[in-house]
Amino acid sequence: MRGMEITLEARDGAPATPAFAMIPPDAKRGVVIVHEIFGRQPEIDRVVERFAKNGYAAVAPDLFHRGRFACLYDVFRTMKTGHGPGVAIAQGRNARAWLCEKAAIPVERVGLIGFCFGGGYALMAGAGWGAVSTNYGLIPSVEAMRGVGPVIGCYGAKDKQFRGMGEVLKKRLAKLGQTPEVHMFEDAGHSFLTDGQYPVAGKLWRGLNVGDYPEAREEGWRRIFAFFEQHLALA
């Protein structure tokens, strides 16, 4: 099984967007993967591979291709207000539409997962998705999360900047009548679910404790896959 470099066609106000995808021949579930604030990196491609090895059709769009600042402005404004042009949201939905067409998977069997920047994006864009996995990202306003699908959140206790976001997530989703599945990993810092190396970020953003936490990483993935398999279950 090989990965594919593709371009998602311009649609619903979103520009053409490059992406990396893998589609197992017998895939019955799918996932759209949203990168960290560093943009598309090799470790995000390896997340695509991880999902594909577990039988998921997977695609990771490069949301920053249209311009990093334009995307960040769009996403963070919508996270705060619940309103905005929604170009980034359309990019994610276009990725899902492509996946559903190529793998013949119903929309309700496709999940959305994001890391750091992508974790906040997943909550903000998660309305109408079969399952949503948010990982060590900012929490959008209550209004911005209205309609979000079932949510799992993962956080590292050594990540001083984001470790409190799990409780914020619980409180805000409670106002929408939803209880997320939240996990705190005691021996983990920021970005523990991916295997990238961020020496500059580790120095600039003290308190994140970016590093390699293999035990927490594998346990986190075990819980995410269990959650997705539950909520993206076959009829």
C-alpha atoms as a PDB file:
ATOM      1  CA  MET A   1       0.000   0.000   0.000  1.00  0.00           C
ATOM      2  CA  ARG A   2       1.465   3.307  -1.113  1.00  0.00           C
ATOM      3  CA  GLY A   3       0.778   6.848  -0.102  1.00  0.00           C
ATOM      4  CA  MET A   4      -0.577   9.264  -2.692  1.00  0.00           C
ATOM      5  CA  GLU A   5       0.204  12.915  -3.243  1.00  0.00           C
ATOM      6  CA  ILE A   6      -3.115  14.379  -4.370  1.00  0.00           C
ATOM      7  CA  THR A   7      -4.767  17.755  -4.888  1.00  0.00           C
ATOM      8  CA  LEU A   8      -8.255  18.292  -3.552  1.00  0.00           C
ATOM      9  CA  GLU A   9     -10.235  20.315  -6.073  1.00  0.00           C
ATOM     10  CA  ALA A  10     -11.417  23.841  -5.297  1.00  0.00           C
ATOM     11  CA  ARG A  11     -14.933  23.656  -3.902  1.00  0.00           C
ATOM     12  CA  ASP A  12     -17.387  25.505  -1.661  1.00  0.00           C
ATOM     13  CA  GLY A  13     -15.180  28.576  -1.392  1.00  0.00           C
ATOM     14  CA  ALA A  14     -11.999  26.655  -0.579  1.00  0.00           C
ATOM     15  CA  PRO A  15      -9.022  26.653  -2.950  1.00  0.00           C
ATOM     16  CA  ALA A  16      -7.379  23.577  -4.443  1.00  0.00           C
ATOM     17  CA  THR A  17      -5.512  21.935  -1.566  1.00  0.00           C
ATOM     18  CA  PRO A  18      -2.615  19.463  -1.728  1.00  0.00           C
ATOM     19  CA  ALA A  19      -2.892  16.423   0.523  1.00  0.00           C
ATOM     20  CA  PHE A  20      -1.301  13.085   1.373  1.00  0.00           C
ATOM     21  CA  ALA A  21      -3.537  10.016   1.400  1.00  0.00           C
ATOM     22  CA  MET A  22      -3.566   6.256   1.783  1.00  0.00           C
ATOM     23  CA  ILE A  23      -6.579   4.070   1.026  1.00  0.00           C
ATOM     24  CA  PRO A  24      -6.518   0.372   1.974  1.00  0.00           C
ATOM     25  CA  PRO A  25      -8.512  -1.692  -0.542  1.00  0.00           C
ATOM     26  CA  ASP A  26     -10.916  -2.970   2.134  1.00  0.00           C
ATOM     27  CA  ALA A  27     -11.321   0.228   4.175  1.00  0.00           C
ATOM     28  CA  LYS A  28     -14.699   0.569   5.910  1.00  0.00           C
ATOM     29  CA  ARG A  29     -13.897   3.689   7.946  1.00  0.00           C
ATOM     30  CA  GLY A  30     -12.069   6.908   7.153  1.00  0.00           C
ATOM     31  CA  VAL A  31     -10.299   9.805   8.833  1.00  0.00           C
ATOM     32  CA  VAL A  32      -9.211  13.319   7.923  1.00  0.00           C
ATOM     33  CA  ILE A  33      -5.989  14.330   9.699  1.00  0.00           C
ATOM     34  CA  VAL A  34      -5.127  17.959  10.458  1.00  0.00           C
ATOM     35  CA  HIS A  35      -1.509  18.947  11.049  1.00  0.00           C
ATOM     36  CA  GLU A  36       0.119  20.923  13.851  1.00  0.00           C
ATOM     37  CA  ILE A  37       1.075  24.587  13.615  1.00  0.00           C
ATOM     38  CA  PHE A  38       4.282  23.480  11.885  1.00  0.00           C
ATOM     39  CA  GLY A  39       2.203  22.514   8.856  1.00  0.00           C
ATOM     40  CA  ARG A  40       2.459  19.268   6.980  1.00  0.00           C
ATOM     41  CA  GLN A  41       5.535  17.408   8.198  1.00  0.00           C
ATOM     42  CA  PRO A  42       6.819  13.819   7.773  1.00  0.00           C
ATOM     43  CA  GLU A  43       5.345  12.822  11.137  1.00  0.00           C
ATOM     44  CA  ILE A  44       1.878  13.783   9.889  1.00  0.00           C
ATOM     45  CA  ASP A  45       2.375  11.544   6.870  1.00  0.00           C
ATOM     46  CA  ARG A  46       3.263   8.790   9.352  1.00  0.00           C
ATOM     47  CA  VAL A  47      -0.054   9.386  11.121  1.00  0.00           C
ATOM     48  CA  VAL A  48      -1.739   8.748   7.768  1.00  0.00           C
ATOM     49  CA  GLU A  49       0.258   5.519   7.526  1.00  0.00           C
ATOM     50  CA  ARG A  50      -0.721   4.513  11.070  1.00  0.00           C
ATOM     51  CA  PHE A  51      -4.405   4.853  10.264  1.00  0.00           C
ATOM     52  CA  ALA A  52      -4.023   3.029   6.948  1.00  0.00           C
ATOM     53  CA  LYS A  53      -2.265   0.116   8.655  1.00  0.00           C
ATOM     54  CA  ASN A  54      -5.279  -0.084  10.951  1.00  0.00           C
ATOM     55  CA  GLY A  55      -7.650  -0.325   8.011  1.00  0.00           C
ATOM     56  CA  TYR A  56      -8.703   3.318   7.675  1.00  0.00           C
ATOM     57  CA  ALA A  57      -8.831   5.340   4.495  1.00  0.00           C
ATOM     58  CA  ALA A  58      -6.872   8.427   5.533  1.00  0.00           C
ATOM     59  CA  VAL A  59      -6.100  11.850   4.097  1.00  0.00           C
ATOM     60  CA  ALA A  60      -4.128  14.802   5.492  1.00  0.00           C
ATOM     61  CA  PRO A  61      -4.790  18.114   3.706  1.00  0.00           C
ATOM     62  CA  ASP A  62      -2.192  20.897   3.864  1.00  0.00           C
ATOM     63  CA  LEU A  63      -4.383  23.699   5.184  1.00  0.00           C
ATOM     64  CA  PHE A  64      -1.471  26.159   5.102  1.00  0.00           C
ATOM     65  CA  HIS A  65      -0.964  25.831   1.351  1.00  0.00           C
ATOM     66  CA  ARG A  66      -3.194  28.868   0.752  1.00  0.00           C
ATOM     67  CA  GLY A  67      -1.068  30.853   3.221  1.00  0.00           C
ATOM     68  CA  ARG A  68      -0.240  30.164   6.844  1.00  0.00           C
ATOM     69  CA  PHE A  69      -1.437  33.547   8.123  1.00  0.00           C
ATOM     70  CA  ALA A  70      -4.697  33.428   6.145  1.00  0.00           C
ATOM     71  CA  CYS A  71      -5.499  29.993   7.542  1.00  0.00           C
ATOM     72  CA  LEU A  72      -4.582  30.845  11.142  1.00  0.00           C
ATOM     73  CA  TYR A  73      -6.633  34.040  11.026  1.00  0.00           C
ATOM     74  CA  ASP A  74      -9.617  32.186   9.600  1.00  0.00           C
ATOM     75  CA  VAL A  75      -9.438  29.355  12.149  1.00  0.00           C
ATOM     76  CA  PHE A  76      -8.740  31.377  15.292  1.00  0.00           C
ATOM     77  CA  ARG A  77     -11.432  33.943  14.499  1.00  0.00           C
ATOM     78  CA  THR A  78     -13.995  31.211  13.985  1.00  0.00           C
ATOM     79  CA  MET A  79     -12.825  29.408  17.143  1.00  0.00           C
ATOM     80  CA  LYS A  80     -13.497  32.564  19.135  1.00  0.00           C
ATOM     81  CA  THR A  81     -16.765  33.726  17.628  1.00  0.00           C
ATOM     82  CA  GLY A  82     -18.293  30.682  15.992  1.00  0.00           C
ATOM     83  CA  HIS A  83     -18.590  32.723  12.805  1.00  0.00           C
ATOM     84  CA  GLY A  84     -16.269  33.365   9.892  1.00  0.00           C
ATOM     85  CA  PRO A  85     -15.628  32.729   6.208  1.00  0.00           C
ATOM     86  CA  GLY A  86     -15.107  29.037   6.937  1.00  0.00           C
ATOM     87  CA  VAL A  87     -12.512  28.435   4.218  1.00  0.00           C
ATOM     88  CA  ALA A  88     -10.529  26.081   6.448  1.00  0.00           C
ATOM     89  CA  ILE A  89     -13.703  24.239   7.432  1.00  0.00           C
ATOM     90  CA  ALA A  90     -14.501  23.784   3.747  1.00  0.00           C
ATOM     91  CA  GLN A  91     -11.001  22.413   3.131  1.00  0.00           C
ATOM     92  CA  GLY A  92     -11.604  19.707   5.735  1.00  0.00           C
ATOM     93  CA  ARG A  93     -15.016  18.847   4.335  1.00  0.00           C
ATOM     94  CA  ASN A  94     -13.577  18.690   0.823  1.00  0.00           C
ATOM     95  CA  ALA A  95     -10.997  16.200   2.088  1.00  0.00           C
ATOM     96  CA  ARG A  96     -13.814  14.115   3.569  1.00  0.00           C
ATOM     97  CA  ALA A  97     -15.811  14.269   0.331  1.00  0.00           C
ATOM     98  CA  TRP A  98     -12.787  13.060  -1.642  1.00  0.00           C
ATOM     99  CA  LEU A  99     -12.229  10.232   0.842  1.00  0.00           C
ATOM    100  CA  CYS A 100     -15.848   9.116   0.764  1.00  0.00           C
ATOM    101  CA  GLU A 101     -15.839   9.050  -3.029  1.00  0.00           C
ATOM    102  CA  LYS A 102     -12.541   7.228  -3.437  1.00  0.00           C
ATOM    103  CA  ALA A 103     -13.116   4.652  -0.695  1.00  0.00           C
ATOM    104  CA  ALA A 104     -16.920   4.389  -1.031  1.00  0.00           C
ATOM    105  CA  ILE A 105     -17.344   5.174   2.680  1.00  0.00           C
ATOM    106  CA  PRO A 106     -20.470   6.852   4.116  1.00  0.00           C
ATOM    107  CA  VAL A 107     -19.923  10.291   5.660  1.00  0.00           C
ATOM    108  CA  GLU A 108     -20.991   9.050   9.100  1.00  0.00           C
ATOM    109  CA  ARG A 109     -18.034   6.625   9.164  1.00  0.00           C
ATOM    110  CA  VAL A 110     -15.412   9.338   8.770  1.00  0.00           C
ATOM    111  CA  GLY A 111     -13.662  10.867  11.777  1.00  0.00           C
ATOM    112  CA  LEU A 112     -11.640  14.053  12.196  1.00  0.00           C
ATOM    113  CA  ILE A 113      -8.381  14.232  14.173  1.00  0.00           C
ATOM    114  CA  GLY A 114      -6.047  17.151  14.804  1.00  0.00           C
ATOM    115  CA  PHE A 115      -2.907  17.946  16.757  1.00  0.00           C
ATOM    116  CA  CYS A 116      -2.055  21.263  18.494  1.00  0.00           C
ATOM    117  CA  PHE A 117      -3.401  23.830  16.000  1.00  0.00           C
ATOM    118  CA  GLY A 118      -5.262  20.931  14.399  1.00  0.00           C
ATOM    119  CA  GLY A 119      -6.728  19.929  17.751  1.00  0.00           C
ATOM    120  CA  GLY A 120      -8.501  23.267  18.065  1.00  0.00           C
ATOM    121  CA  TYR A 121      -9.477  23.078  14.405  1.00  0.00           C
ATOM    122  CA  ALA A 122     -11.053  19.625  14.904  1.00  0.00           C
ATOM    123  CA  LEU A 123     -13.362  20.970  17.614  1.00  0.00           C
ATOM    124  CA  MET A 124     -14.208  24.099  15.633  1.00  0.00           C
ATOM    125  CA  ALA A 125     -14.878  22.189  12.396  1.00  0.00           C
ATOM    126  CA  GLY A 126     -16.292  19.008  13.947  1.00  0.00           C
ATOM    127  CA  ALA A 127     -20.024  19.589  13.453  1.00  0.00           C
ATOM    128  CA  GLY A 128     -21.468  16.677  11.503  1.00  0.00           C
ATOM    129  CA  TRP A 129     -18.441  14.378  11.819  1.00  0.00           C
ATOM    130  CA  GLY A 130     -18.761  10.788  13.030  1.00  0.00           C
ATOM    131  CA  ALA A 131     -16.062  11.227  15.695  1.00  0.00           C
ATOM    132  CA  VAL A 132     -13.611  13.966  16.649  1.00  0.00           C
ATOM    133  CA  SER A 133     -10.170  13.559  18.238  1.00  0.00           C
ATOM    134  CA  THR A 134      -8.607  16.731  19.655  1.00  0.00           C
ATOM    135  CA  ASN A 135      -5.068  16.585  20.983  1.00  0.00           C
ATOM    136  CA  TYR A 136      -3.335  19.276  23.088  1.00  0.00           C
ATOM    137  CA  GLY A 137      -4.904  22.219  21.303  1.00  0.00           C
ATOM    138  CA  LEU A 138      -6.829  25.343  22.268  1.00  0.00           C
ATOM    139  CA  ILE A 139     -10.527  24.993  23.042  1.00  0.00           C
ATOM    140  CA  PRO A 140     -12.963  26.997  20.868  1.00  0.00           C
ATOM    141  CA  SER A 141     -15.891  28.926  22.267  1.00  0.00           C
ATOM    142  CA  VAL A 142     -19.096  27.061  23.088  1.00  0.00           C
ATOM    143  CA  GLU A 143     -20.808  28.541  20.039  1.00  0.00           C
ATOM    144  CA  ALA A 144     -17.987  27.430  17.744  1.00  0.00           C
ATOM    145  CA  MET A 145     -18.353  23.810  18.920  1.00  0.00           C
ATOM    146  CA  ARG A 146     -22.125  23.607  18.528  1.00  0.00           C
ATOM    147  CA  GLY A 147     -23.030  20.393  16.689  1.00  0.00           C
ATOM    148  CA  VAL A 148     -19.602  18.775  17.138  1.00  0.00           C
ATOM    149  CA  GLY A 149     -19.562  14.990  16.899  1.00  0.00           C
ATOM    150  CA  PRO A 150     -18.498  12.673  19.763  1.00  0.00           C
ATOM    151  CA  VAL A 151     -15.175  13.963  21.154  1.00  0.00           C
ATOM    152  CA  ILE A 152     -12.051  12.364  22.619  1.00  0.00           C
ATOM    153  CA  GLY A 153      -9.284  14.620  23.948  1.00  0.00           C
ATOM    154  CA  CYS A 154      -5.704  13.696  24.881  1.00  0.00           C
ATOM    155  CA  TYR A 155      -3.316  15.870  26.925  1.00  0.00           C
ATOM    156  CA  GLY A 156       0.122  15.547  28.498  1.00  0.00           C
ATOM    157  CA  ALA A 157       0.557  16.417  32.180  1.00  0.00           C
ATOM    158  CA  LYS A 158       4.069  17.760  31.500  1.00  0.00           C
ATOM    159  CA  ASP A 159       2.679  20.206  28.928  1.00  0.00           C
ATOM    160  CA  LYS A 160       2.229  23.209  31.216  1.00  0.00           C
ATOM    161  CA  GLN A 161       0.709  25.355  28.465  1.00  0.00           C
ATOM    162  CA  PHE A 162      -2.077  22.973  27.441  1.00  0.00           C
ATOM    163  CA  ARG A 163      -2.578  20.420  30.207  1.00  0.00           C
ATOM    164  CA  GLY A 164      -5.539  22.370  31.598  1.00  0.00           C
ATOM    165  CA  MET A 165      -7.410  22.324  28.302  1.00  0.00           C
ATOM    166  CA  GLY A 166      -9.065  18.981  29.081  1.00  0.00           C
ATOM    167  CA  GLU A 167     -11.040  20.537  31.925  1.00  0.00           C
ATOM    168  CA  VAL A 168     -11.933  23.538  29.763  1.00  0.00           C
ATOM    169  CA  LEU A 169     -13.185  21.149  27.108  1.00  0.00           C
ATOM    170  CA  LYS A 170     -15.406  19.325  29.611  1.00  0.00           C
ATOM    171  CA  LYS A 171     -16.930  22.550  30.939  1.00  0.00           C
ATOM    172  CA  ARG A 172     -17.663  24.038  27.536  1.00  0.00           C
ATOM    173  CA  LEU A 173     -19.118  20.890  26.023  1.00  0.00           C
ATOM    174  CA  ALA A 174     -21.259  20.402  29.139  1.00  0.00           C
ATOM    175  CA  LYS A 175     -23.084  23.576  28.099  1.00  0.00           C
ATOM    176  CA  LEU A 176     -23.976  21.766  24.874  1.00  0.00           C
ATOM    177  CA  GLY A 177     -25.117  18.667  26.742  1.00  0.00           C
ATOM    178  CA  GLN A 178     -22.114  16.625  25.682  1.00  0.00           C
ATOM    179  CA  THR A 179     -19.542  14.725  27.738  1.00  0.00           C
ATOM    180  CA  PRO A 180     -16.184  14.220  26.002  1.00  0.00           C
ATOM    181  CA  GLU A 181     -13.819  11.351  26.733  1.00  0.00           C
ATOM    182  CA  VAL A 182     -10.727  13.099  28.127  1.00  0.00           C
ATOM    183  CA  HIS A 183      -7.383  11.464  28.942  1.00  0.00           C
ATOM    184  CA  MET A 184      -4.417  12.937  30.788  1.00  0.00           C
ATOM    185  CA  PHE A 185      -1.064  11.207  30.300  1.00  0.00           C
ATOM    186  CA  GLU A 186       1.169  11.818  33.309  1.00  0.00           C
ATOM    187  CA  ASP A 187       4.489  11.085  31.615  1.00  0.00           C
ATOM    188  CA  ALA A 188       3.972  13.125  28.448  1.00  0.00           C
ATOM    189  CA  GLY A 189       4.612  16.620  27.163  1.00  0.00           C
ATOM    190  CA  HIS A 190       3.348  18.458  24.097  1.00  0.00           C
ATOM    191  CA  SER A 191       3.090  16.681  20.718  1.00  0.00           C
ATOM    192  CA  PHE A 192       3.492  13.263  22.337  1.00  0.00           C
ATOM    193  CA  LEU A 193       1.218  11.505  19.840  1.00  0.00           C
ATOM    194  CA  THR A 194       3.486  12.267  16.883  1.00  0.00           C
ATOM    195  CA  ASP A 195       7.162  11.410  16.573  1.00  0.00           C
ATOM    196  CA  GLY A 196       8.527  14.687  15.187  1.00  0.00           C
ATOM    197  CA  GLN A 197      11.551  16.519  16.574  1.00  0.00           C
ATOM    198  CA  TYR A 198      11.083  20.194  17.489  1.00  0.00           C
ATOM    199  CA  PRO A 199      14.306  21.444  19.099  1.00  0.00           C
ATOM    200  CA  VAL A 200      13.597  25.108  18.267  1.00  0.00           C
ATOM    201  CA  ALA A 201      10.027  24.959  19.529  1.00  0.00           C
ATOM    202  CA  GLY A 202      11.197  23.277  22.702  1.00  0.00           C
ATOM    203  CA  LYS A 203      13.498  26.218  23.439  1.00  0.00           C
ATOM    204  CA  LEU A 204      11.103  28.972  22.407  1.00  0.00           C
ATOM    205  CA  TRP A 205       8.022  27.603  24.137  1.00  0.00           C
ATOM    206  CA  ARG A 206       9.224  26.627  27.575  1.00  0.00           C
ATOM    207  CA  GLY A 207       6.824  24.524  29.542  1.00  0.00           C
ATOM    208  CA  LEU A 208       5.657  22.468  26.589  1.00  0.00           C
ATOM    209  CA  ASN A 209       8.246  19.761  27.348  1.00  0.00           C
ATOM    210  CA  VAL A 210       8.263  18.562  23.765  1.00  0.00           C
ATOM    211  CA  GLY A 211       9.998  15.204  23.551  1.00  0.00           C
ATOM    212  CA  ASP A 212       9.707  11.526  22.736  1.00  0.00           C
ATOM    213  CA  TYR A 213       7.207   9.715  24.974  1.00  0.00           C
ATOM    214  CA  PRO A 214       6.736   6.305  23.306  1.00  0.00           C
ATOM    215  CA  GLU A 215       4.695   4.646  26.067  1.00  0.00           C
ATOM    216  CA  ALA A 216       2.227   7.538  26.314  1.00  0.00           C
ATOM    217  CA  ARG A 217       2.105   7.769  22.518  1.00  0.00           C
ATOM    218  CA  GLU A 218       1.099   4.144  22.048  1.00  0.00           C
ATOM    219  CA  GLU A 219      -1.422   4.229  24.901  1.00  0.00           C
ATOM    220  CA  GLY A 220      -2.920   7.402  23.472  1.00  0.00           C
ATOM    221  CA  TRP A 221      -3.300   5.820  20.071  1.00  0.00           C
ATOM    222  CA  ARG A 222      -4.878   2.736  21.610  1.00  0.00           C
ATOM    223  CA  ARG A 223      -7.556   4.908  23.202  1.00  0.00           C
ATOM    224  CA  ILE A 224      -8.133   6.969  20.048  1.00  0.00           C
ATOM    225  CA  PHE A 225      -8.592   3.892  17.886  1.00  0.00           C
ATOM    226  CA  ALA A 226     -10.971   2.353  20.436  1.00  0.00           C
ATOM    227  CA  PHE A 227     -13.017   5.560  20.431  1.00  0.00           C
ATOM    228  CA  PHE A 228     -13.122   5.770  16.638  1.00  0.00           C
ATOM    229  CA  GLU A 229     -14.048   2.121  16.286  1.00  0.00           C
ATOM    230  CA  GLN A 230     -16.926   2.657  18.720  1.00  0.00           C
ATOM    231  CA  HIS A 231     -18.350   5.757  17.061  1.00  0.00           C
ATOM    232  CA  LEU A 232     -17.574   4.863  13.455  1.00  0.00           C
ATOM    233  CA  ALA A 233     -18.965   1.361  13.929  1.00  0.00           C
ATOM    234  CA  LEU A 234     -20.303  -0.551  10.991  1.00  0.00           C
ATOM    235  CA  ALA A 235     -24.085  -0.810  10.783  1.00  0.00           C
END
